[in-house]
PDB file of N, CA and C in Angstrom:
ATOM      1  N   UNK A   1     113.798  93.336 119.548  1.00  0.00           N
ATOM      2  CA  UNK A   1     115.126  92.852 118.746  1.00  0.00           C
ATOM      3  C   UNK A   1     116.311  94.012 119.579  1.00  0.00           C
ATOM      4  N   UNK A   2     117.587  93.000 119.756  1.00  0.00           N
ATOM      5  CA  UNK A   2     118.403  93.749 120.457  1.00  0.00           C
ATOM      6  C   UNK A   2     119.111  95.088 119.735  1.00  0.00           C
ATOM      7  N   UNK A   3     119.416  95.899 120.508  1.00  0.00           N
ATOM      8  CA  UNK A   3     119.951  97.033 119.604  1.00  0.00           C
ATOM      9  C   UNK A   3     121.099  96.551 118.662  1.00  0.00           C
ATOM     10  N   UNK A   4     122.020  95.547 119.392  1.00  0.00           N
ATOM     11  CA  UNK A   4     123.217  95.433 118.504  1.00  0.00           C
ATOM     12  C   UNK A   4     122.546  94.810 117.284  1.00  0.00           C
ATOM     13  N   UNK A   5     121.570  93.802 117.335  1.00  0.00           N
ATOM     14  CA  UNK A   5     121.029  93.117 115.994  1.00  0.00           C
ATOM     15  C   UNK A   5     120.378  94.303 115.160  1.00  0.00           C
ATOM     16  N   UNK A   6     119.599  95.392 115.554  1.00  0.00           N
ATOM     17  CA  UNK A   6     118.862  96.113 114.852  1.00  0.00           C
ATOM     18  C   UNK A   6     119.915  97.217 114.014  1.00  0.00           C
ATOM     19  N   UNK A   7     121.068  97.519 114.820  1.00  0.00           N
ATOM     20  CA  UNK A   7     122.214  98.448 114.490  1.00  0.00           C
ATOM     21  C   UNK A   7     122.799  97.572 113.063  1.00  0.00           C
ATOM     22  N   UNK A   8     123.044  96.199 113.120  1.00  0.00           N
ATOM     23  CA  UNK A   8     123.793  95.505 112.293  1.00  0.00           C
ATOM     24  C   UNK A   8     122.785  95.476 111.090  1.00  0.00           C
ATOM     25  N   UNK A   9     121.576  95.171 111.348  1.00  0.00           N
ATOM     26  CA  UNK A   9     120.445  94.931 110.193  1.00  0.00           C
ATOM     27  C   UNK A   9     120.389  96.095 109.348  1.00  0.00           C
ATOM     28  N   UNK A  10     120.458  97.497 110.436  1.00  0.00           N
ATOM     29  CA  UNK A  10     120.288  98.715 109.817  1.00  0.00           C
ATOM     30  C   UNK A  10     121.470  98.990 108.675  1.00  0.00           C
ATOM     31  N   UNK A  11     122.653  98.613 109.182  1.00  0.00           N
ATOM     32  CA  UNK A  11     123.736  98.921 108.310  1.00  0.00           C
ATOM     33  C   UNK A  11     123.899  97.986 107.099  1.00  0.00           C
ATOM     34  N   UNK A  12     123.363  96.926 107.156  1.00  0.00           N
ATOM     35  CA  UNK A  12     123.186  95.963 106.009  1.00  0.00           C
ATOM     36  C   UNK A  12     121.986  96.733 105.120  1.00  0.00           C
ATOM     37  N   UNK A  13     120.959  96.914 105.593  1.00  0.00           N
ATOM     38  CA  UNK A  13     120.060  97.466 104.711  1.00  0.00           C
ATOM     39  C   UNK A  13     120.321  98.825 103.839  1.00  0.00           C
ATOM     40  N   UNK A  14     121.288  99.626 104.657  1.00  0.00           N
ATOM     41  CA  UNK A  14     121.659 100.916 104.210  1.00  0.00           C
ATOM     42  C   UNK A  14     122.949 100.909 103.052  1.00  0.00           C
ATOM     43  N   UNK A  15     123.529  99.413 103.294  1.00  0.00           N
ATOM     44  CA  UNK A  15     124.597  99.271 102.565  1.00  0.00           C
ATOM     45  C   UNK A  15     123.818  98.766 100.984  1.00  0.00           C
ATOM     46  N   UNK A  16     123.269  97.519 101.319  1.00  0.00           N
ATOM     47  CA  UNK A  16     122.417  97.184 100.059  1.00  0.00           C
ATOM     48  C   UNK A  16     121.449  97.944  99.341  1.00  0.00           C
ATOM     49  N   UNK A  17     120.571  98.869  99.972  1.00  0.00           N
ATOM     50  CA  UNK A  17     119.659  99.927  99.478  1.00  0.00           C
ATOM     51  C   UNK A  17     120.421 101.260  99.142  1.00  0.00           C
ATOM     52  N   UNK A  18     121.460 101.233  99.771  1.00  0.00           N
ATOM     53  CA  UNK A  18     122.014 102.617  99.108  1.00  0.00           C
ATOM     54  C   UNK A  18     121.308 103.717  99.711  1.00  0.00           C
ATOM     55  N   UNK A  19     120.712 103.720 100.871  1.00  0.00           N
ATOM     56  CA  UNK A  19     119.959 104.619 101.453  1.00  0.00           C
ATOM     57  C   UNK A  19     120.060 104.784 102.661  1.00  0.00           C
ATOM     58  N   UNK A  20     119.607 105.893 103.468  1.00  0.00           N
ATOM     59  CA  UNK A  20     119.801 106.100 104.965  1.00  0.00           C
ATOM     60  C   UNK A  20     118.324 105.858 105.554  1.00  0.00           C
ATOM     61  N   UNK A  21     118.269 104.832 106.359  1.00  0.00           N
ATOM     62  CA  UNK A  21     116.600 104.166 106.667  1.00  0.00           C
ATOM     63  C   UNK A  21     116.436 105.545 108.018  1.00  0.00           C
ATOM     64  N   UNK A  22     117.396 106.155 108.396  1.00  0.00           N
ATOM     65  CA  UNK A  22     116.761 107.121 109.397  1.00  0.00           C
ATOM     66  C   UNK A  22     115.811 107.985 108.809  1.00  0.00           C
ATOM     67  N   UNK A  23     115.742 108.214 107.628  1.00  0.00           N
ATOM     68  CA  UNK A  23     114.929 109.191 107.017  1.00  0.00           C
ATOM     69  C   UNK A  23     113.643 108.271 106.590  1.00  0.00           C
ATOM     70  N   UNK A  24     113.478 107.319 107.062  1.00  0.00           N
ATOM     71  CA  UNK A  24     112.164 106.358 106.524  1.00  0.00           C
ATOM     72  C   UNK A  24     111.582 105.998 107.596  1.00  0.00           C
ATOM     73  N   UNK A  25     110.084 106.402 107.574  1.00  0.00           N
ATOM     74  CA  UNK A  25     109.193 105.827 108.326  1.00  0.00           C
ATOM     75  C   UNK A  25     109.040 104.427 108.449  1.00  0.00           C
ATOM     76  N   UNK A  26     109.220 103.941 109.760  1.00  0.00           N
ATOM     77  CA  UNK A  26     109.337 102.236 109.788  1.00  0.00           C
ATOM     78  C   UNK A  26     107.892 101.614 109.198  1.00  0.00           C
ATOM     79  N   UNK A  27     106.901 102.471 109.292  1.00  0.00           N
ATOM     80  CA  UNK A  27     105.418 101.669 108.858  1.00  0.00           C
ATOM     81  C   UNK A  27     105.164 102.289 107.449  1.00  0.00           C
ATOM     82  N   UNK A  28     105.891 102.861 106.725  1.00  0.00           N
ATOM     83  CA  UNK A  28     105.750 103.092 105.234  1.00  0.00           C
ATOM     84  C   UNK A  28     105.996 102.050 104.447  1.00  0.00           C
ATOM     85  N   UNK A  29     105.023 101.588 103.603  1.00  0.00           N
ATOM     86  CA  UNK A  29     105.018 100.417 102.610  1.00  0.00           C
ATOM     87  C   UNK A  29     106.409 100.397 101.960  1.00  0.00           C
ATOM     88  N   UNK A  30     107.106  99.459 101.731  1.00  0.00           N
ATOM     89  CA  UNK A  30     108.404  99.183 101.307  1.00  0.00           C
ATOM     90  C   UNK A  30     108.520  99.782  99.683  1.00  0.00           C
ATOM     91  N   UNK A  31     107.188  99.595  99.016  1.00  0.00           N
ATOM     92  CA  UNK A  31     107.096  99.744  97.515  1.00  0.00           C
ATOM     93  C   UNK A  31     106.912 101.169  97.367  1.00  0.00           C
ATOM     94  N   UNK A  32     107.057 101.954  98.455  1.00  0.00           N
ATOM     95  CA  UNK A  32     107.101 103.638  98.404  1.00  0.00           C
ATOM     96  C   UNK A  32     108.579 104.132  98.367  1.00  0.00           C
ATOM     97  N   UNK A  33     109.571 103.139  98.745  1.00  0.00           N
ATOM     98  CA  UNK A  33     110.852 103.530  98.694  1.00  0.00           C
ATOM     99  C   UNK A  33     111.580 103.169  97.442  1.00  0.00           C
ATOM    100  N   UNK A  34     111.900 104.137  96.790  1.00  0.00           N
ATOM    101  CA  UNK A  34     112.319 103.753  95.123  1.00  0.00           C
ATOM    102  C   UNK A  34     113.559 102.759  95.111  1.00  0.00           C
ATOM    103  N   UNK A  35     114.040 102.962  95.973  1.00  0.00           N
ATOM    104  CA  UNK A  35     115.332 101.873  96.133  1.00  0.00           C
ATOM    105  C   UNK A  35     115.221 100.616  96.531  1.00  0.00           C
ATOM    106  N   UNK A  36     114.144 100.196  97.131  1.00  0.00           N
ATOM    107  CA  UNK A  36     113.720  98.941  97.471  1.00  0.00           C
ATOM    108  C   UNK A  36     112.925  98.327  96.303  1.00  0.00           C
ATOM    109  N   UNK A  37     113.785  98.179  95.286  1.00  0.00           N
ATOM    110  CA  UNK A  37     113.233  97.209  94.177  1.00  0.00           C
ATOM    111  C   UNK A  37     113.492  95.734  94.357  1.00  0.00           C
ATOM    112  N   UNK A  38     113.214  95.081  93.363  1.00  0.00           N
ATOM    113  CA  UNK A  38     112.625  93.412  93.433  1.00  0.00           C
ATOM    114  C   UNK A  38     114.356  93.022  93.698  1.00  0.00           C
ATOM    115  N   UNK A  39     115.366  93.560  92.836  1.00  0.00           N
ATOM    116  CA  UNK A  39     116.830  93.117  93.036  1.00  0.00           C
ATOM    117  C   UNK A  39     117.374  93.249  94.320  1.00  0.00           C
ATOM    118  N   UNK A  40     117.348  94.534  94.579  1.00  0.00           N
ATOM    119  CA  UNK A  40     117.818  95.020  96.049  1.00  0.00           C
ATOM    120  C   UNK A  40     116.940  94.016  97.147  1.00  0.00           C
ATOM    121  N   UNK A  41     115.716  93.818  97.101  1.00  0.00           N
ATOM    122  CA  UNK A  41     115.033  93.069  97.929  1.00  0.00           C
ATOM    123  C   UNK A  41     115.723  91.650  97.968  1.00  0.00           C
ATOM    124  N   UNK A  42     116.017  90.958  97.067  1.00  0.00           N
ATOM    125  CA  UNK A  42     116.749  89.486  96.809  1.00  0.00           C
ATOM    126  C   UNK A  42     118.050  89.728  97.430  1.00  0.00           C
ATOM    127  N   UNK A  43     118.531  90.724  97.112  1.00  0.00           N
ATOM    128  CA  UNK A  43     120.023  90.770  97.605  1.00  0.00           C
ATOM    129  C   UNK A  43     119.977  91.051  99.010  1.00  0.00           C
ATOM    130  N   UNK A  44     119.148  91.842  99.574  1.00  0.00           N
ATOM    131  CA  UNK A  44     119.105  92.047 101.128  1.00  0.00           C
ATOM    132  C   UNK A  44     118.606  90.652 101.941  1.00  0.00           C
ATOM    133  N   UNK A  45     117.682  90.087 101.301  1.00  0.00           N
ATOM    134  CA  UNK A  45     117.328  88.482 101.861  1.00  0.00           C
ATOM    135  C   UNK A  45     118.513  87.701 101.795  1.00  0.00           C
ATOM    136  N   UNK A  46     119.150  87.509 100.869  1.00  0.00           N
ATOM    137  CA  UNK A  46     120.278  86.630 100.535  1.00  0.00           C
ATOM    138  C   UNK A  46     121.291  87.166 101.926  1.00  0.00           C
ATOM    139  N   UNK A  47     121.655  88.410 101.926  1.00  0.00           N
ATOM    140  CA  UNK A  47     122.600  88.882 103.048  1.00  0.00           C
ATOM    141  C   UNK A  47     122.174  88.561 104.205  1.00  0.00           C
ATOM    142  N   UNK A  48     120.999  88.875 104.602  1.00  0.00           N
ATOM    143  CA  UNK A  48     120.461  88.338 105.958  1.00  0.00           C
ATOM    144  C   UNK A  48     120.681  86.904 106.357  1.00  0.00           C
ATOM    145  N   UNK A  49     120.242  86.152 105.204  1.00  0.00           N
ATOM    146  CA  UNK A  49     120.401  84.571 105.448  1.00  0.00           C
ATOM    147  C   UNK A  49     121.742  84.332 105.550  1.00  0.00           C
ATOM    148  N   UNK A  50     122.583  84.781 104.951  1.00  0.00           N
ATOM    149  CA  UNK A  50     124.157  84.594 105.161  1.00  0.00           C
ATOM    150  C   UNK A  50     124.519  85.022 106.481  1.00  0.00           C
ATOM    151  N   UNK A  51     124.256  86.344 106.667  1.00  0.00           N
ATOM    152  CA  UNK A  51     124.968  86.940 107.988  1.00  0.00           C
ATOM    153  C   UNK A  51     124.214  86.214 109.173  1.00  0.00           C
ATOM    154  N   UNK A  52     123.042  85.940 109.137  1.00  0.00           N
ATOM    155  CA  UNK A  52     122.446  85.191 110.238  1.00  0.00           C
ATOM    156  C   UNK A  52     122.119  83.657 110.650  1.00  0.00           C
ATOM    157  N   UNK A  53     122.635  82.970 109.305  1.00  0.00           N
ATOM    158  CA  UNK A  53     122.364  81.685 109.094  1.00  0.00           C
ATOM    159  C   UNK A  53     121.037  81.453 109.438  1.00  0.00           C
ATOM    160  N   UNK A  54     120.160  81.991 108.539  1.00  0.00           N
ATOM    161  CA  UNK A  54     118.780  81.788 108.654  1.00  0.00           C
ATOM    162  C   UNK A  54     118.123  81.498 107.208  1.00  0.00           C
ATOM    163  N   UNK A  55     116.810  81.039 107.228  1.00  0.00           N
ATOM    164  CA  UNK A  55     116.209  80.890 105.914  1.00  0.00           C
ATOM    165  C   UNK A  55     114.560  81.656 105.986  1.00  0.00           C
ATOM    166  N   UNK A  56     114.567  82.180 104.935  1.00  0.00           N
ATOM    167  CA  UNK A  56     113.078  82.790 104.859  1.00  0.00           C
ATOM    168  C   UNK A  56     112.328  81.838 103.791  1.00  0.00           C
ATOM    169  N   UNK A  57     110.801  81.997 104.138  1.00  0.00           N
ATOM    170  CA  UNK A  57     110.087  81.375 103.184  1.00  0.00           C
ATOM    171  C   UNK A  57     109.448  82.358 102.281  1.00  0.00           C
ATOM    172  N   UNK A  58     109.011  81.843 101.066  1.00  0.00           N
ATOM    173  CA  UNK A  58     108.432  82.982  99.948  1.00  0.00           C
ATOM    174  C   UNK A  58     107.322  83.806 100.711  1.00  0.00           C
ATOM    175  N   UNK A  59     106.518  83.198 101.715  1.00  0.00           N
ATOM    176  CA  UNK A  59     105.372  83.800 102.351  1.00  0.00           C
ATOM    177  C   UNK A  59     105.992  84.832 103.171  1.00  0.00           C
ATOM    178  N   UNK A  60     106.852  84.601 104.184  1.00  0.00           N
ATOM    179  CA  UNK A  60     107.202  85.505 104.995  1.00  0.00           C
ATOM    180  C   UNK A  60     107.957  86.498 104.195  1.00  0.00           C
ATOM    181  N   UNK A  61     108.583  86.560 103.078  1.00  0.00           N
ATOM    182  CA  UNK A  61     109.096  87.590 102.152  1.00  0.00           C
ATOM    183  C   UNK A  61     108.102  88.676 101.951  1.00  0.00           C
ATOM    184  N   UNK A  62     107.001  87.886 101.236  1.00  0.00           N
ATOM    185  CA  UNK A  62     105.959  88.458 100.855  1.00  0.00           C
ATOM    186  C   UNK A  62     104.968  89.338 101.733  1.00  0.00           C
ATOM    187  N   UNK A  63     104.949  88.689 102.942  1.00  0.00           N
ATOM    188  CA  UNK A  63     104.429  89.384 104.079  1.00  0.00           C
ATOM    189  C   UNK A  63     105.017  90.610 104.644  1.00  0.00           C
ATOM    190  N   UNK A  64     106.273  90.655 104.375  1.00  0.00           N
ATOM    191  CA  UNK A  64     106.938  91.921 105.051  1.00  0.00           C
ATOM    192  C   UNK A  64     106.674  93.097 104.018  1.00  0.00           C
ATOM    193  N   UNK A  65     105.735  94.117 104.567  1.00  0.00           N
ATOM    194  CA  UNK A  65     105.619  95.164 103.810  1.00  0.00           C
ATOM    195  C   UNK A  65     106.060  96.333 104.261  1.00  0.00           C
ATOM    196  N   UNK A  66     106.527  96.360 105.387  1.00  0.00           N
ATOM    197  CA  UNK A  66     107.199  97.559 105.871  1.00  0.00           C
ATOM    198  C   UNK A  66     108.545  97.298 106.375  1.00  0.00           C
ATOM    199  N   UNK A  67     109.313  98.362 106.958  1.00  0.00           N
ATOM    200  CA  UNK A  67     110.539  98.075 107.527  1.00  0.00           C
ATOM    201  C   UNK A  67     110.366  97.485 108.877  1.00  0.00           C
ATOM    202  N   UNK A  68     109.242  97.909 109.471  1.00  0.00           N
ATOM    203  CA  UNK A  68     109.081  97.561 110.889  1.00  0.00           C
ATOM    204  C   UNK A  68     108.743  96.095 110.437  1.00  0.00           C
ATOM    205  N   UNK A  69     108.226  95.525 109.628  1.00  0.00           N
ATOM    206  CA  UNK A  69     107.687  93.936 109.357  1.00  0.00           C
ATOM    207  C   UNK A  69     109.220  93.265 109.173  1.00  0.00           C
ATOM    208  N   UNK A  70     110.182  93.797 108.368  1.00  0.00           N
ATOM    209  CA  UNK A  70     111.278  93.292 108.138  1.00  0.00           C
ATOM    210  C   UNK A  70     111.893  93.088 109.212  1.00  0.00           C
ATOM    211  N   UNK A  71     112.204  94.070 110.032  1.00  0.00           N
ATOM    212  CA  UNK A  71     112.885  93.923 111.534  1.00  0.00           C
ATOM    213  C   UNK A  71     112.163  92.783 112.228  1.00  0.00           C
ATOM    214  N   UNK A  72     110.736  92.998 112.278  1.00  0.00           N
ATOM    215  CA  UNK A  72     110.271  91.963 113.143  1.00  0.00           C
ATOM    216  C   UNK A  72     110.738  90.336 112.689  1.00  0.00           C
ATOM    217  N   UNK A  73     110.281  90.349 111.313  1.00  0.00           N
ATOM    218  CA  UNK A  73     110.554  89.037 110.627  1.00  0.00           C
ATOM    219  C   UNK A  73     111.812  88.382 111.138  1.00  0.00           C
ATOM    220  N   UNK A  74     112.910  89.351 110.941  1.00  0.00           N
ATOM    221  CA  UNK A  74     114.632  89.139 111.181  1.00  0.00           C
ATOM    222  C   UNK A  74     114.667  88.618 112.859  1.00  0.00           C
ATOM    223  N   UNK A  75     113.768  89.446 113.714  1.00  0.00           N
ATOM    224  CA  UNK A  75     114.004  89.289 114.900  1.00  0.00           C
ATOM    225  C   UNK A  75     113.433  87.858 115.300  1.00  0.00           C
ATOM    226  N   UNK A  76     112.094  87.407 114.635  1.00  0.00           N
ATOM    227  CA  UNK A  76     111.449  86.258 114.908  1.00  0.00           C
ATOM    228  C   UNK A  76     112.519  85.149 114.303  1.00  0.00           C
ATOM    229  N   UNK A  77     113.209  85.204 113.129  1.00  0.00           N
ATOM    230  CA  UNK A  77     113.783  84.176 112.745  1.00  0.00           C
ATOM    231  C   UNK A  77     115.017  83.911 113.526  1.00  0.00           C
ATOM    232  N   UNK A  78     115.941  84.966 114.094  1.00  0.00           N
ATOM    233  CA  UNK A  78     117.185  84.818 114.910  1.00  0.00           C
ATOM    234  C   UNK A  78     116.694  84.113 116.092  1.00  0.00           C
ATOM    235  N   UNK A  79     115.389  84.276 116.609  1.00  0.00           N
ATOM    236  CA  UNK A  79     115.268  83.691 118.099  1.00  0.00           C
ATOM    237  C   UNK A  79     114.629  82.493 117.791  1.00  0.00           C
ATOM    238  N   UNK A  80     114.722  82.029 116.619  1.00  0.00           N
ATOM    239  CA  UNK A  80     113.971  80.410 116.540  1.00  0.00           C
ATOM    240  C   UNK A  80     115.258  79.305 116.755  1.00  0.00           C
TER     241      UNK A  80
END
């Protein structure tokens, strides 16, 4: 993922979730992050789809279990 894209995605995550992801292990399960609830997850998905003009499938969303997975999925969708 390009650093500019990762920086923008990081900022979006921090704004939506109200957290600093610098303190989060990228391989930690998202369900261990108290702020990463279902509502904020939907808000984040919506924001990414709007910002990058992309669409996620339900399966893609379900399979994103870590922050690293989220970045990888976003990178994949942007490159399509």
